[in-house]
Amino acid sequence: MTETDIFKALADPTRRQMLERLSAGERNATELREGLAMSQPAISQHLAVLRSAGLIEEEKSGRQMRYRIKPDGLAPVVDWLARYRAFWPERVDRLKTLLREMDQ
């Protein structure tokens, strides 16, 4: 799993909505599908993308698969963002200075 895989997985609004639902706790595919105009096979494909990106994990419970957020799934993205964290304050300060100069 790389940052690219994670960003590709998160690019889809349906997958982001599924992750949002999983942030409230474990769900099965039927529960994740509620309210979405989507077939069960399409939901399964979205789950496969999230799983291959390392964002969710699954566990069999009886005849059902239960899905939950993988705790370290977003770690590569957090690391990627950390590399740029120091960059942005300087840029924002420069922009503020430029805007002040333009106002004068």
N, C-alpha and C. Protein backbone atom coordinates (compact mmCIF):
# COMPACT_ATOMS: atom_id res chain seq x y z
N MET A 1 0.84 -1.17 0.00
CA MET A 1 0.00 0.00 0.00
C MET A 1 0.89 1.23 0.00
N THR A 2 0.61 2.12 -0.95
CA THR A 2 1.37 3.37 -1.06
C THR A 2 0.41 4.54 -0.93
N GLU A 3 0.99 5.72 -0.83
CA GLU A 3 0.14 6.92 -0.77
C GLU A 3 -0.75 6.99 -2.00
N THR A 4 -0.17 6.62 -3.15
CA THR A 4 -0.93 6.67 -4.40
C THR A 4 -2.14 5.76 -4.34
N ASP A 5 -1.95 4.54 -3.84
CA ASP A 5 -3.07 3.60 -3.72
C ASP A 5 -4.16 4.16 -2.81
N ILE A 6 -3.73 4.76 -1.72
CA ILE A 6 -4.70 5.31 -0.76
C ILE A 6 -5.44 6.49 -1.37
N PHE A 7 -4.71 7.40 -2.03
CA PHE A 7 -5.37 8.54 -2.65
C PHE A 7 -6.33 8.10 -3.75
N LYS A 8 -5.96 7.09 -4.52
CA LYS A 8 -6.87 6.58 -5.55
C LYS A 8 -8.12 6.00 -4.92
N ALA A 9 -7.96 5.28 -3.83
CA ALA A 9 -9.12 4.70 -3.14
C ALA A 9 -10.02 5.79 -2.58
N LEU A 10 -9.42 6.84 -2.04
CA LEU A 10 -10.20 7.92 -1.43
C LEU A 10 -10.77 8.90 -2.45
N ALA A 11 -10.36 8.79 -3.70
CA ALA A 11 -10.84 9.70 -4.74
C ALA A 11 -12.32 9.48 -5.04
N ASP A 12 -12.82 8.30 -4.75
CA ASP A 12 -14.21 7.99 -5.06
C ASP A 12 -15.13 8.39 -3.89
N PRO A 13 -16.17 9.18 -4.15
CA PRO A 13 -17.06 9.62 -3.06
C PRO A 13 -17.79 8.47 -2.36
N THR A 14 -18.09 7.41 -3.09
CA THR A 14 -18.77 6.26 -2.46
C THR A 14 -17.85 5.60 -1.45
N ARG A 15 -16.59 5.44 -1.80
CA ARG A 15 -15.64 4.82 -0.86
C ARG A 15 -15.42 5.71 0.36
N ARG A 16 -15.39 7.03 0.14
CA ARG A 16 -15.26 7.93 1.29
C ARG A 16 -16.48 7.82 2.20
N GLN A 17 -17.65 7.69 1.60
CA GLN A 17 -18.87 7.54 2.40
C GLN A 17 -18.84 6.22 3.17
N MET A 18 -18.35 5.18 2.55
CA MET A 18 -18.25 3.88 3.24
C MET A 18 -17.28 3.98 4.41
N LEU A 19 -16.16 4.66 4.22
CA LEU A 19 -15.21 4.84 5.33
C LEU A 19 -15.83 5.66 6.45
N GLU A 20 -16.61 6.66 6.08
CA GLU A 20 -17.29 7.48 7.08
C GLU A 20 -18.23 6.61 7.92
N ARG A 21 -18.96 5.73 7.26
CA ARG A 21 -19.86 4.83 7.99
C ARG A 21 -19.07 3.88 8.88
N LEU A 22 -17.94 3.42 8.39
CA LEU A 22 -17.12 2.51 9.20
C LEU A 22 -16.46 3.22 10.37
N SER A 23 -16.33 4.54 10.28
CA SER A 23 -15.72 5.28 11.40
C SER A 23 -16.61 5.21 12.64
N ALA A 24 -17.90 4.91 12.44
CA ALA A 24 -18.82 4.76 13.57
C ALA A 24 -18.80 3.34 14.14
N GLY A 25 -18.12 2.43 13.45
CA GLY A 25 -18.04 1.06 13.94
C GLY A 25 -18.16 0.04 12.82
N GLU A 26 -17.96 -1.18 13.19
CA GLU A 26 -18.00 -2.31 12.26
C GLU A 26 -19.33 -2.40 11.53
N ARG A 27 -19.30 -2.79 10.26
CA ARG A 27 -20.50 -2.97 9.46
C ARG A 27 -20.32 -4.16 8.52
N ASN A 28 -21.45 -4.73 8.06
CA ASN A 28 -21.37 -5.72 7.00
C ASN A 28 -21.67 -5.01 5.68
N ALA A 29 -21.54 -5.71 4.56
CA ALA A 29 -21.73 -5.09 3.25
C ALA A 29 -23.14 -4.56 3.07
N THR A 30 -24.12 -5.26 3.57
CA THR A 30 -25.51 -4.80 3.45
C THR A 30 -25.71 -3.49 4.18
N GLU A 31 -25.15 -3.36 5.37
CA GLU A 31 -25.26 -2.12 6.13
C GLU A 31 -24.54 -0.98 5.42
N LEU A 32 -23.41 -1.27 4.80
CA LEU A 32 -22.68 -0.24 4.07
C LEU A 32 -23.43 0.20 2.82
N ARG A 33 -24.22 -0.67 2.26
CA ARG A 33 -24.96 -0.40 1.03
C ARG A 33 -26.22 0.44 1.26
N GLU A 34 -26.73 0.45 2.50
CA GLU A 34 -27.98 1.16 2.80
C GLU A 34 -27.93 2.61 2.31
N GLY A 35 -28.99 2.99 1.57
CA GLY A 35 -29.09 4.36 1.09
C GLY A 35 -28.30 4.64 -0.18
N LEU A 36 -27.56 3.68 -0.65
CA LEU A 36 -26.79 3.88 -1.88
C LEU A 36 -27.51 3.16 -3.03
N ALA A 37 -27.66 3.84 -4.14
CA ALA A 37 -28.29 3.23 -5.32
C ALA A 37 -27.23 2.43 -6.06
N MET A 38 -26.89 1.27 -5.47
CA MET A 38 -25.77 0.51 -5.99
C MET A 38 -26.03 -0.98 -5.74
N SER A 39 -25.57 -1.81 -6.65
CA SER A 39 -25.74 -3.25 -6.50
C SER A 39 -24.75 -3.81 -5.48
N GLN A 40 -25.06 -4.98 -5.01
CA GLN A 40 -24.15 -5.65 -4.06
C GLN A 40 -22.79 -5.92 -4.70
N PRO A 41 -22.73 -6.37 -5.98
CA PRO A 41 -21.41 -6.56 -6.59
C PRO A 41 -20.59 -5.26 -6.66
N ALA A 42 -21.26 -4.14 -6.91
CA ALA A 42 -20.54 -2.86 -6.94
C ALA A 42 -19.98 -2.51 -5.56
N ILE A 43 -20.77 -2.76 -4.53
CA ILE A 43 -20.28 -2.53 -3.16
C ILE A 43 -19.08 -3.41 -2.89
N SER A 44 -19.15 -4.65 -3.31
CA SER A 44 -18.03 -5.58 -3.12
C SER A 44 -16.76 -5.08 -3.81
N GLN A 45 -16.92 -4.50 -5.00
CA GLN A 45 -15.76 -3.96 -5.70
C GLN A 45 -15.15 -2.78 -4.93
N HIS A 46 -16.01 -1.91 -4.41
CA HIS A 46 -15.51 -0.78 -3.62
C HIS A 46 -14.78 -1.29 -2.37
N LEU A 47 -15.35 -2.29 -1.72
CA LEU A 47 -14.70 -2.86 -0.54
C LEU A 47 -13.35 -3.46 -0.89
N ALA A 48 -13.26 -4.10 -2.05
CA ALA A 48 -11.98 -4.69 -2.49
C ALA A 48 -10.93 -3.60 -2.69
N VAL A 49 -11.32 -2.46 -3.24
CA VAL A 49 -10.38 -1.36 -3.44
C VAL A 49 -9.90 -0.83 -2.09
N LEU A 50 -10.83 -0.62 -1.17
CA LEU A 50 -10.46 -0.13 0.17
C LEU A 50 -9.55 -1.12 0.89
N ARG A 51 -9.85 -2.40 0.74
CA ARG A 51 -9.05 -3.44 1.38
C ARG A 51 -7.65 -3.49 0.77
N SER A 52 -7.56 -3.44 -0.56
CA SER A 52 -6.24 -3.52 -1.20
C SER A 52 -5.39 -2.27 -0.92
N ALA A 53 -6.05 -1.15 -0.64
CA ALA A 53 -5.32 0.07 -0.27
C ALA A 53 -4.89 0.05 1.20
N GLY A 54 -5.35 -0.97 1.94
CA GLY A 54 -4.97 -1.09 3.35
C GLY A 54 -5.78 -0.21 4.28
N LEU A 55 -6.95 0.27 3.81
CA LEU A 55 -7.76 1.16 4.64
C LEU A 55 -8.77 0.44 5.51
N ILE A 56 -9.16 -0.77 5.10
CA ILE A 56 -10.11 -1.54 5.91
C ILE A 56 -9.62 -2.97 6.04
N GLU A 57 -10.18 -3.65 7.00
CA GLU A 57 -9.93 -5.08 7.17
C GLU A 57 -11.26 -5.77 7.36
N GLU A 58 -11.26 -7.06 7.12
CA GLU A 58 -12.50 -7.81 7.22
C GLU A 58 -12.32 -9.01 8.14
N GLU A 59 -13.45 -9.44 8.69
CA GLU A 59 -13.44 -10.61 9.55
C GLU A 59 -14.76 -11.35 9.33
N LYS A 60 -14.66 -12.64 9.19
CA LYS A 60 -15.86 -13.44 8.99
C LYS A 60 -16.54 -13.66 10.34
N SER A 61 -17.84 -13.37 10.36
CA SER A 61 -18.64 -13.55 11.57
C SER A 61 -19.86 -14.38 11.17
N GLY A 62 -19.80 -15.67 11.42
CA GLY A 62 -20.87 -16.56 10.96
C GLY A 62 -20.83 -16.63 9.45
N ARG A 63 -21.94 -16.28 8.82
CA ARG A 63 -21.99 -16.29 7.36
C ARG A 63 -21.69 -14.92 6.75
N GLN A 64 -21.48 -13.94 7.58
CA GLN A 64 -21.26 -12.58 7.10
C GLN A 64 -19.80 -12.16 7.26
N MET A 65 -19.41 -11.26 6.36
CA MET A 65 -18.12 -10.59 6.51
C MET A 65 -18.39 -9.26 7.19
N ARG A 66 -17.62 -8.95 8.20
CA ARG A 66 -17.72 -7.67 8.90
C ARG A 66 -16.50 -6.84 8.52
N TYR A 67 -16.72 -5.58 8.27
CA TYR A 67 -15.65 -4.68 7.84
C TYR A 67 -15.43 -3.61 8.90
N ARG A 68 -14.17 -3.21 9.03
CA ARG A 68 -13.83 -2.14 9.97
C ARG A 68 -12.61 -1.40 9.42
N ILE A 69 -12.45 -0.20 9.89
CA ILE A 69 -11.30 0.60 9.48
C ILE A 69 -10.03 -0.03 10.04
N LYS A 70 -9.02 -0.09 9.21
CA LYS A 70 -7.71 -0.60 9.64
C LYS A 70 -7.00 0.56 10.34
N PRO A 71 -6.65 0.40 11.60
CA PRO A 71 -6.10 1.52 12.38
C PRO A 71 -4.92 2.24 11.74
N ASP A 72 -4.01 1.53 11.14
CA ASP A 72 -2.81 2.16 10.56
C ASP A 72 -2.96 2.43 9.06
N GLY A 73 -4.15 2.29 8.54
CA GLY A 73 -4.37 2.42 7.10
C GLY A 73 -3.99 3.77 6.52
N LEU A 74 -4.22 4.83 7.25
CA LEU A 74 -3.92 6.17 6.74
C LEU A 74 -2.52 6.65 7.12
N ALA A 75 -1.75 5.83 7.79
CA ALA A 75 -0.40 6.23 8.23
C ALA A 75 0.48 6.72 7.07
N PRO A 76 0.49 6.06 5.91
CA PRO A 76 1.31 6.60 4.81
C PRO A 76 0.89 8.00 4.37
N VAL A 77 -0.39 8.30 4.41
CA VAL A 77 -0.87 9.63 4.03
C VAL A 77 -0.48 10.65 5.09
N VAL A 78 -0.60 10.27 6.35
CA VAL A 78 -0.19 11.16 7.44
C VAL A 78 1.30 11.47 7.31
N ASP A 79 2.11 10.47 7.01
CA ASP A 79 3.55 10.69 6.81
C ASP A 79 3.80 11.61 5.63
N TRP A 80 3.05 11.41 4.55
CA TRP A 80 3.19 12.24 3.36
C TRP A 80 2.86 13.69 3.68
N LEU A 81 1.76 13.90 4.40
CA LEU A 81 1.37 15.26 4.78
C LEU A 81 2.38 15.91 5.72
N ALA A 82 2.99 15.12 6.58
CA ALA A 82 3.96 15.66 7.53
C ALA A 82 5.17 16.27 6.81
N ARG A 83 5.53 15.69 5.67
CA ARG A 83 6.66 16.23 4.91
C ARG A 83 6.38 17.65 4.42
N TYR A 84 5.11 17.99 4.23
CA TYR A 84 4.74 19.30 3.69
C TYR A 84 4.24 20.26 4.75
N ARG A 85 4.10 19.79 5.95
CA ARG A 85 3.55 20.63 7.03
C ARG A 85 4.37 21.91 7.22
N ALA A 86 5.68 21.83 7.21
CA ALA A 86 6.53 23.00 7.42
C ALA A 86 6.48 23.95 6.23
N PHE A 87 6.19 23.44 5.07
CA PHE A 87 6.16 24.22 3.84
C PHE A 87 5.02 25.23 3.83
N TRP A 88 3.83 24.84 4.29
CA TRP A 88 2.65 25.67 4.14
C TRP A 88 2.64 26.94 4.99
N PRO A 89 3.04 26.94 6.25
CA PRO A 89 3.01 28.21 7.00
C PRO A 89 3.82 29.32 6.34
N GLU A 90 4.98 28.98 5.80
CA GLU A 90 5.80 29.99 5.13
C GLU A 90 5.07 30.53 3.90
N ARG A 91 4.46 29.66 3.14
CA ARG A 91 3.72 30.08 1.95
C ARG A 91 2.52 30.96 2.32
N VAL A 92 1.82 30.59 3.36
CA VAL A 92 0.66 31.38 3.79
C VAL A 92 1.12 32.76 4.26
N ASP A 93 2.24 32.80 4.99
CA ASP A 93 2.77 34.10 5.44
C ASP A 93 3.14 34.98 4.24
N ARG A 94 3.75 34.39 3.23
CA ARG A 94 4.09 35.14 2.02
C ARG A 94 2.83 35.67 1.33
N LEU A 95 1.80 34.84 1.28
CA LEU A 95 0.55 35.25 0.66
C LEU A 95 -0.08 36.40 1.43
N LYS A 96 -0.07 36.32 2.76
CA LYS A 96 -0.62 37.41 3.58
C LYS A 96 0.13 38.71 3.31
N THR A 97 1.46 38.63 3.23
CA THR A 97 2.27 39.82 2.96
C THR A 97 1.93 40.40 1.61
N LEU A 98 1.82 39.55 0.62
CA LEU A 98 1.48 39.99 -0.74
C LEU A 98 0.12 40.67 -0.77
N LEU A 99 -0.87 40.07 -0.09
CA LEU A 99 -2.20 40.65 -0.08
C LEU A 99 -2.22 41.99 0.63
N ARG A 100 -1.45 42.12 1.72
CA ARG A 100 -1.36 43.41 2.41
C ARG A 100 -0.76 44.47 1.51
N GLU A 101 0.30 44.09 0.77
CA GLU A 101 0.94 45.02 -0.14
C GLU A 101 0.00 45.43 -1.26
N MET A 102 -0.81 44.52 -1.72
CA MET A 102 -1.76 44.81 -2.79
C MET A 102 -2.87 45.75 -2.30
N ASP A 103 -3.23 45.66 -1.04
CA ASP A 103 -4.27 46.50 -0.47
C ASP A 103 -3.81 47.96 -0.29
N GLN A 104 -2.52 48.16 -0.18
CA GLN A 104 -2.00 49.51 0.08
C GLN A 104 -1.92 50.34 -1.14
